[in-house]
Amino acid sequence: MDDKLIVRDGYNAIAAKYLTNRSEESEDVQLLQELVDRLPKGAKVLDAGCGAGVPVAKYLNQFFDVTGVDFAEKQIHLARQLVPGAHFLCQDIIQLTLAESSFDAVCSYYAIIHIPRQEHKTLLLNFHRMLKPSGLMLLCMGADDLEKDIHDYHGTRMYWSHYDAETNLNMVKECGFDILWSRVVADSTSPGASHLFVLAQKDCA
């Protein structure tokens, strides 16, 4: 089976169950306050790989005009119910053709790590294209080197692929961003796992 189909089918299969594992109190979700502190109320924010919209899109929607994108149909169906104030699209985030310079910020939690890593740079360049000048990007990326892995995740098959933290940070810079901070944060849904979180700003120089 195609790696992306494993991810889409997996998240469709666990759509409702996965919700019960997410908490607005976890360290990763609290990092969203960085966008709240740095952006004006009503700013346009893209949640790339939004899943069911909880907790990330729900949190952001309190302050911003949120567009969520995910290619798992059941996740988007739930998101439209759970976060009715946001706008949701069922699309592959690697193929987004949303308008250039249309967002003040892009946020992506636990999505990039499920995309074949050779496509990560293309994705970051597209985020850069869609961001307004000096736009912000808050990403969850891999903290260690993992070319490809498929194993059980909450009772379904799941696929992962990512680079190590140093390679990811260099790639973010190469794609035209200034890194404001980066830190490794424990995964609240997978005991023992951790990921690299990066806050970066579009370099307008």
N, C-alpha and C. Protein backbone atom coordinates (compact mmCIF):
# COMPACT_ATOMS: atom_id res chain seq x y z
N MET A 1 0.84 -1.21 0.00
CA MET A 1 0.00 0.00 0.00
C MET A 1 0.87 1.25 0.00
N ASP A 2 0.44 2.27 -0.73
CA ASP A 2 1.13 3.56 -0.75
C ASP A 2 1.22 4.13 0.67
N ASP A 3 2.39 4.73 0.99
CA ASP A 3 2.62 5.24 2.33
C ASP A 3 1.57 6.27 2.75
N LYS A 4 1.19 7.15 1.83
CA LYS A 4 0.20 8.17 2.17
C LYS A 4 -1.18 7.55 2.42
N LEU A 5 -1.48 6.48 1.70
CA LEU A 5 -2.76 5.81 1.93
C LEU A 5 -2.79 5.18 3.32
N ILE A 6 -1.64 4.69 3.78
CA ILE A 6 -1.57 4.14 5.13
C ILE A 6 -1.93 5.22 6.15
N VAL A 7 -1.39 6.42 5.95
CA VAL A 7 -1.67 7.53 6.87
C VAL A 7 -3.14 7.94 6.80
N ARG A 8 -3.63 8.15 5.59
CA ARG A 8 -5.03 8.59 5.44
C ARG A 8 -6.00 7.56 5.99
N ASP A 9 -5.81 6.29 5.60
CA ASP A 9 -6.71 5.25 6.07
C ASP A 9 -6.59 5.05 7.58
N GLY A 10 -5.37 5.17 8.09
CA GLY A 10 -5.16 5.02 9.52
C GLY A 10 -5.88 6.07 10.33
N TYR A 11 -5.74 7.34 9.92
CA TYR A 11 -6.41 8.41 10.67
C TYR A 11 -7.91 8.42 10.47
N ASN A 12 -8.38 7.92 9.33
CA ASN A 12 -9.82 7.72 9.18
C ASN A 12 -10.31 6.65 10.17
N ALA A 13 -9.54 5.59 10.31
CA ALA A 13 -9.93 4.47 11.18
C ALA A 13 -10.00 4.85 12.65
N ILE A 14 -9.10 5.74 13.07
CA ILE A 14 -9.03 6.08 14.51
C ILE A 14 -9.54 7.49 14.80
N ALA A 15 -10.32 8.06 13.88
CA ALA A 15 -10.75 9.46 13.99
C ALA A 15 -11.34 9.78 15.36
N ALA A 16 -12.33 9.02 15.79
CA ALA A 16 -12.98 9.31 17.06
C ALA A 16 -12.08 8.95 18.25
N LYS A 17 -11.41 7.82 18.15
CA LYS A 17 -10.55 7.36 19.24
C LYS A 17 -9.39 8.32 19.50
N TYR A 18 -8.81 8.86 18.44
CA TYR A 18 -7.64 9.73 18.58
C TYR A 18 -7.99 11.00 19.35
N LEU A 19 -9.22 11.46 19.21
CA LEU A 19 -9.65 12.66 19.92
C LEU A 19 -9.48 12.53 21.42
N THR A 20 -9.74 11.34 21.94
CA THR A 20 -9.69 11.15 23.40
C THR A 20 -8.27 11.21 23.95
N ASN A 21 -7.28 11.18 23.05
CA ASN A 21 -5.88 11.21 23.49
C ASN A 21 -5.27 12.62 23.46
N ARG A 22 -6.04 13.58 22.96
CA ARG A 22 -5.52 14.94 22.85
C ARG A 22 -6.01 15.81 24.00
N SER A 23 -5.14 16.68 24.49
CA SER A 23 -5.51 17.55 25.61
C SER A 23 -5.03 18.98 25.36
N GLU A 24 -5.87 19.94 25.67
CA GLU A 24 -5.48 21.35 25.53
C GLU A 24 -4.45 21.76 26.58
N GLU A 25 -4.25 20.92 27.58
CA GLU A 25 -3.33 21.26 28.67
C GLU A 25 -1.90 20.77 28.40
N SER A 26 -1.69 19.98 27.34
CA SER A 26 -0.37 19.41 27.07
C SER A 26 0.60 20.50 26.62
N GLU A 27 1.89 20.23 26.81
CA GLU A 27 2.93 21.22 26.52
C GLU A 27 2.91 21.65 25.06
N ASP A 28 2.68 20.71 24.15
CA ASP A 28 2.69 21.06 22.73
C ASP A 28 1.57 22.03 22.38
N VAL A 29 0.39 21.82 22.93
CA VAL A 29 -0.74 22.72 22.65
C VAL A 29 -0.51 24.09 23.27
N GLN A 30 0.12 24.14 24.42
CA GLN A 30 0.39 25.42 25.07
C GLN A 30 1.33 26.30 24.23
N LEU A 31 2.11 25.68 23.36
CA LEU A 31 2.99 26.46 22.49
C LEU A 31 2.22 27.33 21.51
N LEU A 32 0.95 27.01 21.28
CA LEU A 32 0.13 27.82 20.38
C LEU A 32 -0.03 29.25 20.89
N GLN A 33 0.16 29.43 22.20
CA GLN A 33 0.07 30.77 22.77
C GLN A 33 1.10 31.71 22.15
N GLU A 34 2.19 31.14 21.63
CA GLU A 34 3.20 31.95 20.94
C GLU A 34 2.58 32.70 19.76
N LEU A 35 1.70 32.03 19.02
CA LEU A 35 1.03 32.70 17.89
C LEU A 35 0.04 33.74 18.40
N VAL A 36 -0.66 33.42 19.47
CA VAL A 36 -1.62 34.37 20.04
C VAL A 36 -0.91 35.65 20.48
N ASP A 37 0.27 35.49 21.07
CA ASP A 37 1.01 36.65 21.58
C ASP A 37 1.63 37.49 20.46
N ARG A 38 1.86 36.88 19.29
CA ARG A 38 2.60 37.57 18.24
C ARG A 38 1.74 38.06 17.07
N LEU A 39 0.50 37.60 17.00
CA LEU A 39 -0.35 37.94 15.86
C LEU A 39 -1.54 38.80 16.30
N PRO A 40 -2.04 39.66 15.43
CA PRO A 40 -3.24 40.44 15.77
C PRO A 40 -4.48 39.56 15.77
N LYS A 41 -5.46 39.90 16.55
CA LYS A 41 -6.71 39.15 16.58
C LYS A 41 -7.34 39.17 15.19
N GLY A 42 -7.84 38.03 14.76
CA GLY A 42 -8.44 37.95 13.44
C GLY A 42 -7.46 37.61 12.32
N ALA A 43 -6.20 37.40 12.65
CA ALA A 43 -5.20 37.05 11.64
C ALA A 43 -5.60 35.74 10.96
N LYS A 44 -5.16 35.56 9.73
CA LYS A 44 -5.49 34.36 8.97
C LYS A 44 -4.42 33.29 9.22
N VAL A 45 -4.87 32.13 9.73
CA VAL A 45 -3.94 31.07 10.12
C VAL A 45 -4.34 29.77 9.42
N LEU A 46 -3.35 29.10 8.84
CA LEU A 46 -3.54 27.80 8.21
C LEU A 46 -3.11 26.70 9.18
N ASP A 47 -4.01 25.76 9.46
CA ASP A 47 -3.69 24.58 10.26
C ASP A 47 -3.53 23.42 9.28
N ALA A 48 -2.29 23.09 8.97
CA ALA A 48 -1.98 22.10 7.94
C ALA A 48 -1.85 20.71 8.56
N GLY A 49 -2.79 19.83 8.23
CA GLY A 49 -2.86 18.52 8.87
C GLY A 49 -3.68 18.63 10.14
N CYS A 50 -4.86 19.22 10.02
CA CYS A 50 -5.64 19.63 11.19
C CYS A 50 -6.34 18.49 11.91
N GLY A 51 -6.46 17.33 11.26
CA GLY A 51 -7.19 16.24 11.88
C GLY A 51 -8.62 16.65 12.19
N ALA A 52 -9.11 16.27 13.37
CA ALA A 52 -10.49 16.56 13.76
C ALA A 52 -10.66 17.97 14.31
N GLY A 53 -9.60 18.78 14.24
CA GLY A 53 -9.71 20.17 14.66
C GLY A 53 -9.52 20.41 16.14
N VAL A 54 -9.39 19.35 16.91
CA VAL A 54 -9.23 19.46 18.36
C VAL A 54 -7.94 18.78 18.78
N PRO A 55 -7.08 19.47 19.49
CA PRO A 55 -7.31 20.78 20.12
C PRO A 55 -6.77 21.97 19.34
N VAL A 56 -5.97 21.77 18.28
CA VAL A 56 -5.23 22.89 17.68
C VAL A 56 -6.13 23.92 17.01
N ALA A 57 -6.93 23.52 16.03
CA ALA A 57 -7.79 24.48 15.35
C ALA A 57 -8.79 25.12 16.32
N LYS A 58 -9.28 24.32 17.25
CA LYS A 58 -10.22 24.85 18.24
C LYS A 58 -9.58 25.95 19.07
N TYR A 59 -8.35 25.72 19.49
CA TYR A 59 -7.63 26.72 20.29
C TYR A 59 -7.40 27.99 19.46
N LEU A 60 -6.88 27.82 18.25
CA LEU A 60 -6.57 28.96 17.39
C LEU A 60 -7.81 29.74 16.99
N ASN A 61 -8.93 29.03 16.83
CA ASN A 61 -10.15 29.66 16.35
C ASN A 61 -10.73 30.66 17.36
N GLN A 62 -10.27 30.60 18.59
CA GLN A 62 -10.71 31.59 19.58
C GLN A 62 -10.17 32.98 19.27
N PHE A 63 -9.09 33.03 18.48
CA PHE A 63 -8.40 34.30 18.25
C PHE A 63 -8.28 34.67 16.77
N PHE A 64 -8.29 33.65 15.89
CA PHE A 64 -7.93 33.89 14.50
C PHE A 64 -8.97 33.35 13.52
N ASP A 65 -8.79 33.74 12.26
CA ASP A 65 -9.57 33.21 11.14
C ASP A 65 -8.82 31.97 10.65
N VAL A 66 -9.33 30.80 10.99
CA VAL A 66 -8.59 29.55 10.79
C VAL A 66 -9.11 28.77 9.58
N THR A 67 -8.16 28.31 8.76
CA THR A 67 -8.44 27.35 7.69
C THR A 67 -7.69 26.07 8.02
N GLY A 68 -8.42 24.98 8.17
CA GLY A 68 -7.80 23.69 8.46
C GLY A 68 -7.83 22.80 7.23
N VAL A 69 -6.76 22.05 7.03
CA VAL A 69 -6.65 21.16 5.88
C VAL A 69 -6.19 19.78 6.35
N ASP A 70 -6.86 18.75 5.85
CA ASP A 70 -6.45 17.37 6.14
C ASP A 70 -7.01 16.48 5.04
N PHE A 71 -6.31 15.39 4.73
CA PHE A 71 -6.80 14.53 3.65
C PHE A 71 -7.59 13.32 4.13
N ALA A 72 -7.76 13.19 5.45
CA ALA A 72 -8.57 12.12 6.01
C ALA A 72 -10.02 12.60 6.13
N GLU A 73 -10.91 12.02 5.32
CA GLU A 73 -12.28 12.51 5.22
C GLU A 73 -13.03 12.50 6.55
N LYS A 74 -12.86 11.44 7.33
CA LYS A 74 -13.57 11.35 8.61
C LYS A 74 -13.06 12.39 9.60
N GLN A 75 -11.77 12.70 9.52
CA GLN A 75 -11.22 13.74 10.39
C GLN A 75 -11.84 15.10 10.05
N ILE A 76 -11.93 15.41 8.77
CA ILE A 76 -12.51 16.69 8.35
C ILE A 76 -13.99 16.75 8.72
N HIS A 77 -14.69 15.65 8.58
CA HIS A 77 -16.11 15.61 8.98
C HIS A 77 -16.26 15.96 10.45
N LEU A 78 -15.41 15.39 11.29
CA LEU A 78 -15.44 15.71 12.71
C LEU A 78 -15.06 17.16 12.97
N ALA A 79 -14.04 17.64 12.27
CA ALA A 79 -13.58 19.02 12.47
C ALA A 79 -14.69 20.03 12.19
N ARG A 80 -15.46 19.78 11.13
CA ARG A 80 -16.55 20.71 10.79
C ARG A 80 -17.63 20.72 11.86
N GLN A 81 -17.78 19.62 12.56
CA GLN A 81 -18.75 19.56 13.66
C GLN A 81 -18.20 20.18 14.93
N LEU A 82 -16.94 19.91 15.22
CA LEU A 82 -16.35 20.30 16.50
C LEU A 82 -15.85 21.74 16.53
N VAL A 83 -15.48 22.29 15.36
CA VAL A 83 -15.00 23.68 15.29
C VAL A 83 -15.76 24.38 14.17
N PRO A 84 -17.04 24.64 14.37
CA PRO A 84 -17.87 25.19 13.29
C PRO A 84 -17.46 26.59 12.84
N GLY A 85 -16.71 27.29 13.64
CA GLY A 85 -16.31 28.65 13.27
C GLY A 85 -15.14 28.71 12.31
N ALA A 86 -14.47 27.59 12.09
CA ALA A 86 -13.33 27.55 11.18
C ALA A 86 -13.76 27.00 9.82
N HIS A 87 -12.88 27.14 8.84
CA HIS A 87 -13.13 26.64 7.49
C HIS A 87 -12.22 25.45 7.24
N PHE A 88 -12.78 24.35 6.75
CA PHE A 88 -11.98 23.13 6.58
C PHE A 88 -12.02 22.62 5.14
N LEU A 89 -10.86 22.16 4.68
CA LEU A 89 -10.70 21.62 3.33
C LEU A 89 -10.17 20.19 3.42
N CYS A 90 -10.72 19.29 2.62
CA CYS A 90 -10.21 17.92 2.57
C CYS A 90 -9.25 17.82 1.40
N GLN A 91 -7.97 18.04 1.68
CA GLN A 91 -6.93 18.02 0.67
C GLN A 91 -5.63 17.52 1.27
N ASP A 92 -4.72 17.09 0.41
CA ASP A 92 -3.37 16.70 0.81
C ASP A 92 -2.56 17.98 1.00
N ILE A 93 -1.97 18.19 2.17
CA ILE A 93 -1.27 19.45 2.42
C ILE A 93 -0.05 19.63 1.52
N ILE A 94 0.47 18.54 0.97
CA ILE A 94 1.63 18.67 0.10
C ILE A 94 1.24 19.22 -1.27
N GLN A 95 -0.06 19.23 -1.57
CA GLN A 95 -0.53 19.67 -2.88
C GLN A 95 -1.36 20.94 -2.81
N LEU A 96 -1.26 21.69 -1.74
CA LEU A 96 -2.07 22.89 -1.58
C LEU A 96 -1.73 23.97 -2.61
N THR A 97 -2.77 24.56 -3.18
CA THR A 97 -2.59 25.64 -4.16
C THR A 97 -3.30 26.91 -3.70
N LEU A 98 -3.39 27.09 -2.38
CA LEU A 98 -4.00 28.30 -1.84
C LEU A 98 -3.16 29.51 -2.24
N ALA A 99 -3.77 30.66 -2.25
CA ALA A 99 -3.16 31.86 -2.82
C ALA A 99 -1.85 32.25 -2.14
N GLU A 100 -0.97 32.82 -2.92
CA GLU A 100 0.32 33.32 -2.42
C GLU A 100 0.08 34.45 -1.42
N SER A 101 0.88 34.47 -0.37
CA SER A 101 0.84 35.53 0.66
C SER A 101 -0.56 35.70 1.25
N SER A 102 -1.24 34.58 1.53
CA SER A 102 -2.62 34.67 2.00
C SER A 102 -2.79 34.39 3.49
N PHE A 103 -1.71 33.98 4.18
CA PHE A 103 -1.82 33.65 5.60
C PHE A 103 -0.80 34.43 6.43
N ASP A 104 -1.22 34.79 7.63
CA ASP A 104 -0.32 35.42 8.59
C ASP A 104 0.53 34.39 9.32
N ALA A 105 0.03 33.16 9.38
CA ALA A 105 0.78 32.10 10.04
C ALA A 105 0.34 30.73 9.51
N VAL A 106 1.27 29.79 9.59
CA VAL A 106 0.98 28.39 9.30
C VAL A 106 1.34 27.59 10.54
N CYS A 107 0.44 26.70 10.93
CA CYS A 107 0.69 25.81 12.05
C CYS A 107 0.51 24.38 11.57
N SER A 108 1.41 23.49 11.95
CA SER A 108 1.27 22.09 11.55
C SER A 108 1.77 21.18 12.66
N TYR A 109 0.83 20.46 13.26
CA TYR A 109 1.14 19.55 14.37
C TYR A 109 0.96 18.10 13.92
N TYR A 110 1.99 17.27 14.13
CA TYR A 110 1.92 15.83 13.91
C TYR A 110 1.42 15.46 12.51
N ALA A 111 1.83 16.21 11.51
CA ALA A 111 1.46 15.92 10.13
C ALA A 111 2.69 15.70 9.26
N ILE A 112 3.67 16.59 9.38
CA ILE A 112 4.88 16.50 8.55
C ILE A 112 5.60 15.18 8.79
N ILE A 113 5.56 14.68 10.00
CA ILE A 113 6.25 13.43 10.34
C ILE A 113 5.63 12.22 9.65
N HIS A 114 4.44 12.38 9.07
CA HIS A 114 3.78 11.30 8.35
C HIS A 114 3.92 11.43 6.84
N ILE A 115 4.71 12.38 6.39
CA ILE A 115 4.94 12.61 4.96
C ILE A 115 6.33 12.11 4.60
N PRO A 116 6.49 11.42 3.47
CA PRO A 116 7.84 10.99 3.08
C PRO A 116 8.83 12.15 3.15
N ARG A 117 9.93 11.94 3.83
CA ARG A 117 10.80 13.07 4.15
C ARG A 117 11.41 13.76 2.94
N GLN A 118 11.49 13.08 1.82
CA GLN A 118 12.00 13.73 0.62
C GLN A 118 11.05 14.81 0.10
N GLU A 119 9.83 14.84 0.64
CA GLU A 119 8.85 15.86 0.24
C GLU A 119 8.79 17.02 1.23
N HIS A 120 9.52 16.95 2.32
CA HIS A 120 9.41 17.97 3.36
C HIS A 120 9.86 19.35 2.88
N LYS A 121 10.92 19.40 2.11
CA LYS A 121 11.40 20.71 1.64
C LYS A 121 10.39 21.36 0.70
N THR A 122 9.77 20.57 -0.17
CA THR A 122 8.73 21.09 -1.05
C THR A 122 7.58 21.67 -0.23
N LEU A 123 7.21 20.98 0.84
CA LEU A 123 6.13 21.45 1.70
C LEU A 123 6.50 22.77 2.36
N LEU A 124 7.71 22.88 2.88
CA LEU A 124 8.14 24.12 3.54
C LEU A 124 8.19 25.28 2.56
N LEU A 125 8.64 25.03 1.36
CA LEU A 125 8.68 26.09 0.35
C LEU A 125 7.28 26.56 0.00
N ASN A 126 6.31 25.64 0.00
CA ASN A 126 4.93 26.03 -0.28
C ASN A 126 4.35 26.83 0.89
N PHE A 127 4.70 26.45 2.12
CA PHE A 127 4.30 27.27 3.27
C PHE A 127 4.85 28.69 3.12
N HIS A 128 6.11 28.78 2.72
CA HIS A 128 6.74 30.09 2.52
C HIS A 128 5.97 30.90 1.49
N ARG A 129 5.57 30.26 0.41
CA ARG A 129 4.83 30.93 -0.66
C ARG A 129 3.48 31.45 -0.15
N MET A 130 2.80 30.67 0.67
CA MET A 130 1.46 31.04 1.13
C MET A 130 1.47 32.06 2.26
N LEU A 131 2.62 32.24 2.91
CA LEU A 131 2.71 33.19 4.02
C LEU A 131 2.90 34.63 3.54
N LYS A 132 2.29 35.53 4.27
CA LYS A 132 2.51 36.95 4.02
C LYS A 132 3.93 37.33 4.45
N PRO A 133 4.44 38.48 4.02
CA PRO A 133 5.75 38.93 4.47
C PRO A 133 5.84 38.92 6.00
N SER A 134 6.91 38.36 6.52
CA SER A 134 7.15 38.23 7.96
C SER A 134 6.16 37.29 8.65
N GLY A 135 5.47 36.45 7.87
CA GLY A 135 4.54 35.49 8.44
C GLY A 135 5.23 34.47 9.32
N LEU A 136 4.49 33.89 10.24
CA LEU A 136 5.03 32.94 11.21
C LEU A 136 4.69 31.50 10.84
N MET A 137 5.54 30.59 11.28
CA MET A 137 5.34 29.16 11.02
C MET A 137 5.68 28.39 12.29
N LEU A 138 4.70 27.66 12.83
CA LEU A 138 4.91 26.83 14.02
C LEU A 138 4.73 25.38 13.60
N LEU A 139 5.82 24.62 13.63
CA LEU A 139 5.81 23.27 13.09
C LEU A 139 6.23 22.22 14.12
N CYS A 140 5.64 21.04 13.98
CA CYS A 140 6.09 19.84 14.66
C CYS A 140 6.83 19.00 13.63
N MET A 141 8.12 18.72 13.90
CA MET A 141 8.95 17.96 12.96
C MET A 141 9.64 16.82 13.71
N GLY A 142 10.41 16.02 13.00
CA GLY A 142 11.11 14.93 13.63
C GLY A 142 12.28 15.40 14.47
N ALA A 143 12.54 14.69 15.57
CA ALA A 143 13.69 15.02 16.42
C ALA A 143 14.86 14.09 16.16
N ASP A 144 14.61 12.98 15.46
CA ASP A 144 15.69 12.05 15.14
C ASP A 144 15.53 11.53 13.71
N ASP A 145 16.55 10.84 13.24
CA ASP A 145 16.59 10.39 11.85
C ASP A 145 15.77 9.10 11.69
N LEU A 146 14.80 9.14 10.80
CA LEU A 146 13.95 7.98 10.56
C LEU A 146 13.50 8.02 9.10
N GLU A 147 14.16 7.21 8.28
CA GLU A 147 13.84 7.24 6.85
C GLU A 147 12.43 6.74 6.58
N LYS A 148 12.06 5.64 7.25
CA LYS A 148 10.72 5.09 7.06
C LYS A 148 10.42 4.09 8.16
N ASP A 149 9.21 4.19 8.70
CA ASP A 149 8.78 3.23 9.71
C ASP A 149 7.28 3.05 9.60
N ILE A 150 6.84 1.81 9.70
CA ILE A 150 5.41 1.49 9.71
C ILE A 150 5.17 0.55 10.88
N HIS A 151 4.32 0.97 11.79
CA HIS A 151 3.95 0.06 12.89
C HIS A 151 2.59 0.44 13.46
N ASP A 152 2.13 -0.30 14.43
CA ASP A 152 0.81 -0.09 15.01
C ASP A 152 0.74 1.24 15.77
N TYR A 153 -0.36 1.93 15.59
CA TYR A 153 -0.57 3.22 16.27
C TYR A 153 -2.05 3.30 16.65
N HIS A 154 -2.33 3.16 17.94
CA HIS A 154 -3.71 3.19 18.43
C HIS A 154 -4.59 2.17 17.72
N GLY A 155 -4.00 1.01 17.38
CA GLY A 155 -4.78 -0.06 16.79
C GLY A 155 -4.88 -0.06 15.28
N THR A 156 -4.12 0.82 14.62
CA THR A 156 -4.11 0.84 13.16
C THR A 156 -2.67 0.94 12.67
N ARG A 157 -2.45 0.63 11.39
CA ARG A 157 -1.11 0.80 10.81
C ARG A 157 -0.85 2.28 10.57
N MET A 158 0.38 2.71 10.84
CA MET A 158 0.73 4.11 10.61
C MET A 158 2.15 4.21 10.07
N TYR A 159 2.40 5.27 9.32
CA TYR A 159 3.68 5.49 8.63
C TYR A 159 4.33 6.76 9.15
N TRP A 160 5.65 6.72 9.34
CA TRP A 160 6.43 7.89 9.75
C TRP A 160 7.66 8.02 8.86
N SER A 161 8.11 9.27 8.66
CA SER A 161 9.35 9.52 7.94
C SER A 161 9.82 10.94 8.27
N HIS A 162 11.04 11.08 8.77
CA HIS A 162 11.53 12.43 9.09
C HIS A 162 13.04 12.43 9.26
N TYR A 163 13.59 13.64 9.25
CA TYR A 163 15.02 13.84 9.47
C TYR A 163 15.27 14.14 10.95
N ASP A 164 16.53 14.21 11.32
CA ASP A 164 16.90 14.58 12.68
C ASP A 164 16.74 16.08 12.88
N ALA A 165 16.81 16.53 14.13
CA ALA A 165 16.55 17.92 14.47
C ALA A 165 17.47 18.89 13.73
N GLU A 166 18.77 18.61 13.70
CA GLU A 166 19.71 19.52 13.06
C GLU A 166 19.42 19.65 11.56
N THR A 167 19.15 18.54 10.90
CA THR A 167 18.84 18.58 9.48
C THR A 167 17.56 19.36 9.24
N ASN A 168 16.57 19.17 10.09
CA ASN A 168 15.31 19.90 9.95
C ASN A 168 15.50 21.41 10.11
N LEU A 169 16.28 21.80 11.10
CA LEU A 169 16.50 23.23 11.32
C LEU A 169 17.24 23.86 10.15
N ASN A 170 18.21 23.15 9.61
CA ASN A 170 18.92 23.66 8.43
C ASN A 170 17.98 23.78 7.24
N MET A 171 17.08 22.82 7.09
CA MET A 171 16.13 22.85 5.98
C MET A 171 15.16 24.03 6.11
N VAL A 172 14.71 24.30 7.31
CA VAL A 172 13.83 25.44 7.54
C VAL A 172 14.53 26.74 7.11
N LYS A 173 15.80 26.87 7.47
CA LYS A 173 16.56 28.06 7.07
C LYS A 173 16.74 28.13 5.56
N GLU A 174 17.04 26.99 4.93
CA GLU A 174 17.24 26.95 3.49
C GLU A 174 15.97 27.32 2.72
N CYS A 175 14.83 27.13 3.35
CA CYS A 175 13.55 27.43 2.70
C CYS A 175 13.11 28.88 2.93
N GLY A 176 13.98 29.69 3.51
CA GLY A 176 13.71 31.13 3.60
C GLY A 176 13.11 31.60 4.91
N PHE A 177 13.40 30.89 6.00
CA PHE A 177 12.86 31.25 7.30
C PHE A 177 13.97 31.58 8.30
N ASP A 178 13.67 32.50 9.20
CA ASP A 178 14.52 32.76 10.36
C ASP A 178 13.93 32.00 11.53
N ILE A 179 14.74 31.23 12.22
CA ILE A 179 14.26 30.45 13.35
C ILE A 179 14.23 31.32 14.61
N LEU A 180 13.05 31.43 15.23
CA LEU A 180 12.89 32.22 16.45
C LEU A 180 13.22 31.37 17.67
N TRP A 181 12.80 30.13 17.66
CA TRP A 181 13.21 29.16 18.68
C TRP A 181 12.90 27.75 18.21
N SER A 182 13.54 26.79 18.85
CA SER A 182 13.23 25.38 18.60
C SER A 182 13.42 24.63 19.91
N ARG A 183 12.60 23.58 20.09
CA ARG A 183 12.73 22.78 21.31
C ARG A 183 12.13 21.40 21.07
N VAL A 184 12.64 20.42 21.79
CA VAL A 184 12.12 19.06 21.69
C VAL A 184 11.07 18.88 22.79
N VAL A 185 9.90 18.40 22.37
CA VAL A 185 8.76 18.28 23.28
C VAL A 185 8.24 16.85 23.25
N ALA A 186 7.89 16.31 24.42
CA ALA A 186 7.34 14.96 24.50
C ALA A 186 5.99 14.88 23.81
N ASP A 187 5.75 13.77 23.14
CA ASP A 187 4.48 13.52 22.46
C ASP A 187 3.45 13.10 23.50
N SER A 188 2.40 13.89 23.63
CA SER A 188 1.40 13.62 24.67
C SER A 188 0.55 12.40 24.36
N THR A 189 0.58 11.90 23.11
CA THR A 189 -0.25 10.76 22.73
C THR A 189 0.54 9.46 22.59
N SER A 190 1.88 9.56 22.62
CA SER A 190 2.73 8.37 22.46
C SER A 190 3.83 8.39 23.50
N PRO A 191 3.65 7.74 24.63
CA PRO A 191 4.66 7.73 25.70
C PRO A 191 6.03 7.31 25.18
N GLY A 192 7.03 8.10 25.54
CA GLY A 192 8.40 7.80 25.13
C GLY A 192 8.84 8.49 23.86
N ALA A 193 7.89 8.99 23.07
CA ALA A 193 8.22 9.68 21.82
C ALA A 193 8.35 11.18 22.06
N SER A 194 9.15 11.83 21.24
CA SER A 194 9.29 13.28 21.33
C SER A 194 9.51 13.84 19.92
N HIS A 195 9.22 15.12 19.76
CA HIS A 195 9.32 15.75 18.45
C HIS A 195 9.94 17.14 18.56
N LEU A 196 10.47 17.60 17.46
CA LEU A 196 11.04 18.94 17.38
C LEU A 196 9.95 19.94 17.03
N PHE A 197 9.79 20.96 17.86
CA PHE A 197 8.87 22.05 17.55
C PHE A 197 9.71 23.27 17.18
N VAL A 198 9.29 23.95 16.14
CA VAL A 198 10.04 25.09 15.60
C VAL A 198 9.09 26.26 15.36
N LEU A 199 9.47 27.42 15.86
CA LEU A 199 8.78 28.65 15.51
C LEU A 199 9.71 29.45 14.63
N ALA A 200 9.27 29.75 13.42
CA ALA A 200 10.12 30.45 12.45
C ALA A 200 9.32 31.58 11.80
N GLN A 201 10.06 32.50 11.20
CA GLN A 201 9.43 33.66 10.55
C GLN A 201 9.94 33.78 9.13
N LYS A 202 9.04 34.08 8.20
CA LYS A 202 9.41 34.25 6.82
C LYS A 202 10.43 35.38 6.68
N ASP A 203 11.53 35.07 6.07
CA ASP A 203 12.62 36.03 5.90
C ASP A 203 12.31 36.89 4.68
N CYS A 204 12.15 38.17 4.93
CA CYS A 204 11.77 39.09 3.84
C CYS A 204 12.96 39.88 3.31
N ALA A 205 14.16 39.50 3.75
CA ALA A 205 15.34 40.23 3.31
C ALA A 205 15.62 40.00 1.83
